[in-house]
Amino acid sequence: MKELKGSPTRRTEFLEICFNTFCENGLENTGLKKLADACGVTNGNLIYYFESKDNIVIQSTAYCMAKVEDDFMAMAPTDFADIERFLQEMPYLTAKLHGKKYRFMYQVYASPKYRDYGKEFFKGVNVRYKKYSELLSSKLNMPAGFIRGMIYLFVRACVHYALFDD
């Protein structure tokens, strides 16, 4: 694995700021200067951290979308009785908080230039959903395999709702 340059905290800040800038402006309308301005640094500083705009796109999308998943699962039901709350509020909350993020993610991962990175990201989704289902299994008193299937279906439904209805 390639050694990462710069402060890890600063790098994470840049990933989040750049991702939000991309989400607001789109992939084609966001140049390195716009990203650097949003981060309050020079183009050269971003290049020092990431080497290229492509790396910023790839790394910020993967990092921030995994964080969106973690945020989603942090709101997961805490017990069986809490499932109804989760099912009722999450589509709307997901659309409100993450609609632009999902649209940008699909813009990136549908692009031939970044498609292989999307495939890698979605392989990680399988691992993360397995982990989430195992964590929820004891809380909900349900088999992890059953929960994982529900997570796949429900997250996909929320994402599709967020893509078009925020």
C-alpha atoms as a PDB file:
ATOM      1  CA  MET A   1       0.000   0.000   0.000  1.00  0.00           C
ATOM      2  CA  LYS A   2       1.192   3.470  -0.861  1.00  0.00           C
ATOM      3  CA  GLU A   3       2.296   5.651   2.033  1.00  0.00           C
ATOM      4  CA  LEU A   4      -0.097   8.523   2.682  1.00  0.00           C
ATOM      5  CA  LYS A   5       1.360  12.014   2.890  1.00  0.00           C
ATOM      6  CA  GLY A   6       0.547  14.718   5.384  1.00  0.00           C
ATOM      7  CA  SER A   7      -1.317  14.849   8.657  1.00  0.00           C
ATOM      8  CA  PRO A   8      -4.029  12.164   8.890  1.00  0.00           C
ATOM      9  CA  THR A   9      -6.412  14.618  10.571  1.00  0.00           C
ATOM     10  CA  ARG A  10      -5.882  17.257   7.893  1.00  0.00           C
ATOM     11  CA  ARG A  11      -6.191  14.627   5.162  1.00  0.00           C
ATOM     12  CA  THR A  12      -9.566  13.535   6.539  1.00  0.00           C
ATOM     13  CA  GLU A  13     -10.728  17.170   6.678  1.00  0.00           C
ATOM     14  CA  PHE A  14      -9.725  17.604   3.039  1.00  0.00           C
ATOM     15  CA  LEU A  15     -11.526  14.407   2.020  1.00  0.00           C
ATOM     16  CA  GLU A  16     -14.752  15.611   3.617  1.00  0.00           C
ATOM     17  CA  ILE A  17     -14.520  19.179   2.294  1.00  0.00           C
ATOM     18  CA  CYS A  18     -13.642  18.016  -1.217  1.00  0.00           C
ATOM     19  CA  PHE A  19     -16.436  15.455  -1.252  1.00  0.00           C
ATOM     20  CA  ASN A  20     -18.991  18.059  -0.168  1.00  0.00           C
ATOM     21  CA  THR A  21     -17.675  20.455  -2.814  1.00  0.00           C
ATOM     22  CA  PHE A  22     -18.058  17.766  -5.479  1.00  0.00           C
ATOM     23  CA  CYS A  23     -21.588  17.019  -4.255  1.00  0.00           C
ATOM     24  CA  GLU A  24     -22.574  20.678  -4.553  1.00  0.00           C
ATOM     25  CA  ASN A  25     -20.986  21.296  -7.959  1.00  0.00           C
ATOM     26  CA  GLY A  26     -20.702  17.931  -9.698  1.00  0.00           C
ATOM     27  CA  LEU A  27     -17.669  16.124 -10.999  1.00  0.00           C
ATOM     28  CA  GLU A  28     -17.178  18.109 -14.201  1.00  0.00           C
ATOM     29  CA  ASN A  29     -17.827  21.509 -12.608  1.00  0.00           C
ATOM     30  CA  THR A  30     -15.319  21.054  -9.792  1.00  0.00           C
ATOM     31  CA  GLY A  31     -11.712  21.781 -10.611  1.00  0.00           C
ATOM     32  CA  LEU A  32      -8.659  21.581  -8.411  1.00  0.00           C
ATOM     33  CA  LYS A  33      -8.788  25.333  -7.733  1.00  0.00           C
ATOM     34  CA  LYS A  34     -12.380  25.112  -6.475  1.00  0.00           C
ATOM     35  CA  LEU A  35     -11.381  22.227  -4.203  1.00  0.00           C
ATOM     36  CA  ALA A  36      -8.312  24.051  -2.890  1.00  0.00           C
ATOM     37  CA  ASP A  37     -10.333  27.208  -2.260  1.00  0.00           C
ATOM     38  CA  ALA A  38     -12.946  25.219  -0.336  1.00  0.00           C
ATOM     39  CA  CYS A  39     -10.184  23.665   1.777  1.00  0.00           C
ATOM     40  CA  GLY A  40      -8.474  27.030   2.319  1.00  0.00           C
ATOM     41  CA  VAL A  41      -5.201  25.831   0.806  1.00  0.00           C
ATOM     42  CA  THR A  42      -3.303  26.064  -2.463  1.00  0.00           C
ATOM     43  CA  ASN A  43      -3.612  23.636  -5.369  1.00  0.00           C
ATOM     44  CA  GLY A  44      -0.088  22.484  -4.530  1.00  0.00           C
ATOM     45  CA  ASN A  45      -1.095  21.593  -0.991  1.00  0.00           C
ATOM     46  CA  LEU A  46      -3.887  19.310  -2.244  1.00  0.00           C
ATOM     47  CA  ILE A  47      -1.508  17.759  -4.772  1.00  0.00           C
ATOM     48  CA  TYR A  48       0.959  17.109  -1.942  1.00  0.00           C
ATOM     49  CA  TYR A  49      -1.724  15.171  -0.051  1.00  0.00           C
ATOM     50  CA  PHE A  50      -3.379  13.360  -2.973  1.00  0.00           C
ATOM     51  CA  GLU A  51      -1.112  13.652  -6.046  1.00  0.00           C
ATOM     52  CA  SER A  52      -4.035  14.302  -8.447  1.00  0.00           C
ATOM     53  CA  LYS A  53      -7.650  15.343  -8.733  1.00  0.00           C
ATOM     54  CA  ASP A  54      -8.501  11.745  -9.669  1.00  0.00           C
ATOM     55  CA  ASN A  55      -7.117  10.540  -6.341  1.00  0.00           C
ATOM     56  CA  ILE A  56      -9.195  13.154  -4.543  1.00  0.00           C
ATOM     57  CA  VAL A  57     -12.314  11.902  -6.345  1.00  0.00           C
ATOM     58  CA  ILE A  58     -11.540   8.257  -5.592  1.00  0.00           C
ATOM     59  CA  GLN A  59     -10.480   8.653  -1.983  1.00  0.00           C
ATOM     60  CA  SER A  60     -13.074  11.228  -0.935  1.00  0.00           C
ATOM     61  CA  THR A  61     -15.924   9.227  -2.444  1.00  0.00           C
ATOM     62  CA  ALA A  62     -14.889   5.962  -0.798  1.00  0.00           C
ATOM     63  CA  TYR A  63     -14.183   7.571   2.582  1.00  0.00           C
ATOM     64  CA  CYS A  64     -17.307   9.716   2.761  1.00  0.00           C
ATOM     65  CA  MET A  65     -19.711   7.071   1.475  1.00  0.00           C
ATOM     66  CA  ALA A  66     -18.402   4.549   4.007  1.00  0.00           C
ATOM     67  CA  LYS A  67     -18.970   7.243   6.623  1.00  0.00           C
ATOM     68  CA  VAL A  68     -22.557   7.713   5.343  1.00  0.00           C
ATOM     69  CA  GLU A  69     -23.098   3.967   5.815  1.00  0.00           C
ATOM     70  CA  ASP A  70     -21.721   4.158   9.339  1.00  0.00           C
ATOM     71  CA  ASP A  71     -24.021   7.100  10.116  1.00  0.00           C
ATOM     72  CA  PHE A  72     -26.968   5.128   8.722  1.00  0.00           C
ATOM     73  CA  MET A  73     -26.175   2.122  10.873  1.00  0.00           C
ATOM     74  CA  ALA A  74     -25.622   4.292  13.951  1.00  0.00           C
ATOM     75  CA  MET A  75     -29.346   5.023  13.728  1.00  0.00           C
ATOM     76  CA  ALA A  76     -30.196   1.326  13.449  1.00  0.00           C
ATOM     77  CA  PRO A  77     -32.787  -0.169  15.778  1.00  0.00           C
ATOM     78  CA  THR A  78     -31.617  -0.724  19.315  1.00  0.00           C
ATOM     79  CA  ASP A  79     -34.134  -3.515  19.935  1.00  0.00           C
ATOM     80  CA  PHE A  80     -36.987  -5.309  18.177  1.00  0.00           C
ATOM     81  CA  ALA A  81     -39.558  -2.676  19.205  1.00  0.00           C
ATOM     82  CA  ASP A  82     -37.398   0.064  17.622  1.00  0.00           C
ATOM     83  CA  ILE A  83     -37.551  -1.454  14.120  1.00  0.00           C
ATOM     84  CA  GLU A  84     -40.742   0.422  13.220  1.00  0.00           C
ATOM     85  CA  ARG A  85     -39.141   3.790  14.053  1.00  0.00           C
ATOM     86  CA  PHE A  86     -36.128   2.953  11.930  1.00  0.00           C
ATOM     87  CA  LEU A  87     -38.225   1.854   8.952  1.00  0.00           C
ATOM     88  CA  GLN A  88     -40.420   4.949   9.106  1.00  0.00           C
ATOM     89  CA  GLU A  89     -37.792   7.650   9.512  1.00  0.00           C
ATOM     90  CA  MET A  90     -34.755   6.440   7.597  1.00  0.00           C
ATOM     91  CA  PRO A  91     -35.920   6.920   3.989  1.00  0.00           C
ATOM     92  CA  TYR A  92     -36.758  10.565   4.687  1.00  0.00           C
ATOM     93  CA  LEU A  93     -33.695  11.212   6.801  1.00  0.00           C
ATOM     94  CA  THR A  94     -31.444   9.554   4.224  1.00  0.00           C
ATOM     95  CA  ALA A  95     -32.900  11.705   1.448  1.00  0.00           C
ATOM     96  CA  LYS A  96     -32.552  14.882   3.477  1.00  0.00           C
ATOM     97  CA  LEU A  97     -29.004  14.261   4.685  1.00  0.00           C
ATOM     98  CA  HIS A  98     -27.451  12.253   1.864  1.00  0.00           C
ATOM     99  CA  GLY A  99     -29.318  12.637  -1.438  1.00  0.00           C
ATOM    100  CA  LYS A 100     -26.596  14.776  -3.048  1.00  0.00           C
ATOM    101  CA  LYS A 101     -23.928  12.403  -1.767  1.00  0.00           C
ATOM    102  CA  TYR A 102     -25.577   9.379  -3.352  1.00  0.00           C
ATOM    103  CA  ARG A 103     -26.066  11.203  -6.647  1.00  0.00           C
ATOM    104  CA  PHE A 104     -22.398  12.142  -6.716  1.00  0.00           C
ATOM    105  CA  MET A 105     -21.284   8.640  -5.753  1.00  0.00           C
ATOM    106  CA  TYR A 106     -23.253   7.150  -8.644  1.00  0.00           C
ATOM    107  CA  GLN A 107     -21.907   9.830 -10.989  1.00  0.00           C
ATOM    108  CA  VAL A 108     -18.380   8.796 -10.031  1.00  0.00           C
ATOM    109  CA  TYR A 109     -18.810   5.037  -9.966  1.00  0.00           C
ATOM    110  CA  ALA A 110     -20.834   4.948 -13.190  1.00  0.00           C
ATOM    111  CA  SER A 111     -18.030   6.741 -15.020  1.00  0.00           C
ATOM    112  CA  PRO A 112     -15.786   4.375 -17.023  1.00  0.00           C
ATOM    113  CA  LYS A 113     -12.805   6.197 -15.522  1.00  0.00           C
ATOM    114  CA  TYR A 114     -13.745   5.240 -11.946  1.00  0.00           C
ATOM    115  CA  ARG A 115     -15.857   2.100 -12.400  1.00  0.00           C
ATOM    116  CA  ASP A 116     -13.191  -0.267 -11.045  1.00  0.00           C
ATOM    117  CA  TYR A 117     -12.969   1.821  -7.872  1.00  0.00           C
ATOM    118  CA  GLY A 118     -16.739   1.519  -7.541  1.00  0.00           C
ATOM    119  CA  LYS A 119     -16.482  -2.248  -7.791  1.00  0.00           C
ATOM    120  CA  GLU A 120     -13.922  -2.237  -4.977  1.00  0.00           C
ATOM    121  CA  PHE A 121     -16.076   0.050  -2.858  1.00  0.00           C
ATOM    122  CA  PHE A 122     -19.095  -2.213  -3.260  1.00  0.00           C
ATOM    123  CA  LYS A 123     -17.042  -5.279  -2.319  1.00  0.00           C
ATOM    124  CA  GLY A 124     -16.376  -3.430   0.944  1.00  0.00           C
ATOM    125  CA  VAL A 125     -20.110  -2.864   1.333  1.00  0.00           C
ATOM    126  CA  ASN A 126     -20.579  -6.617   1.618  1.00  0.00           C
ATOM    127  CA  VAL A 127     -18.030  -6.779   4.415  1.00  0.00           C
ATOM    128  CA  ARG A 128     -19.513  -3.795   6.245  1.00  0.00           C
ATOM    129  CA  TYR A 129     -23.100  -5.095   5.953  1.00  0.00           C
ATOM    130  CA  LYS A 130     -22.006  -8.448   7.360  1.00  0.00           C
ATOM    131  CA  LYS A 131     -20.429  -6.634  10.317  1.00  0.00           C
ATOM    132  CA  TYR A 132     -23.554  -4.493  10.841  1.00  0.00           C
ATOM    133  CA  SER A 133     -25.817  -7.542  10.762  1.00  0.00           C
ATOM    134  CA  GLU A 134     -23.672  -9.323  13.336  1.00  0.00           C
ATOM    135  CA  LEU A 135     -23.814  -6.281  15.625  1.00  0.00           C
ATOM    136  CA  LEU A 136     -27.592  -6.036  15.283  1.00  0.00           C
ATOM    137  CA  SER A 137     -28.251  -9.754  15.676  1.00  0.00           C
ATOM    138  CA  SER A 138     -28.079  -9.791  19.463  1.00  0.00           C
ATOM    139  CA  LYS A 139     -29.943  -6.482  19.816  1.00  0.00           C
ATOM    140  CA  LEU A 140     -32.840  -7.626  17.652  1.00  0.00           C
ATOM    141  CA  ASN A 141     -32.712 -11.302  18.657  1.00  0.00           C
ATOM    142  CA  MET A 142     -32.670 -12.333  14.994  1.00  0.00           C
ATOM    143  CA  PRO A 143     -30.193 -14.328  12.891  1.00  0.00           C
ATOM    144  CA  ALA A 144     -27.440 -12.197  11.353  1.00  0.00           C
ATOM    145  CA  GLY A 145     -28.063 -13.680   7.886  1.00  0.00           C
ATOM    146  CA  PHE A 146     -31.688 -12.587   7.966  1.00  0.00           C
ATOM    147  CA  ILE A 147     -30.735  -9.097   9.143  1.00  0.00           C
ATOM    148  CA  ARG A 148     -28.095  -8.749   6.429  1.00  0.00           C
ATOM    149  CA  GLY A 149     -30.680  -9.458   3.760  1.00  0.00           C
ATOM    150  CA  MET A 150     -32.988  -6.854   5.254  1.00  0.00           C
ATOM    151  CA  ILE A 151     -30.141  -4.336   5.419  1.00  0.00           C
ATOM    152  CA  TYR A 152     -29.386  -4.815   1.725  1.00  0.00           C
ATOM    153  CA  LEU A 153     -33.006  -4.309   0.755  1.00  0.00           C
ATOM    154  CA  PHE A 154     -33.720  -1.431   3.071  1.00  0.00           C
ATOM    155  CA  VAL A 155     -30.510   0.496   2.412  1.00  0.00           C
ATOM    156  CA  ARG A 156     -31.036   0.149  -1.333  1.00  0.00           C
ATOM    157  CA  ALA A 157     -34.618   1.365  -0.999  1.00  0.00           C
ATOM    158  CA  CYS A 158     -33.482   4.359   1.056  1.00  0.00           C
ATOM    159  CA  VAL A 159     -30.709   5.160  -1.412  1.00  0.00           C
ATOM    160  CA  HIS A 160     -33.079   5.061  -4.365  1.00  0.00           C
ATOM    161  CA  TYR A 161     -35.561   7.252  -2.535  1.00  0.00           C
ATOM    162  CA  ALA A 162     -32.732   9.681  -1.656  1.00  0.00           C
ATOM    163  CA  LEU A 163     -31.534   9.786  -5.265  1.00  0.00           C
ATOM    164  CA  PHE A 164     -34.750  11.259  -6.510  1.00  0.00           C
ATOM    165  CA  ASP A 165     -36.836  12.710  -3.696  1.00  0.00           C
ATOM    166  CA  ASP A 166     -34.825  15.097  -1.570  1.00  0.00           C
END
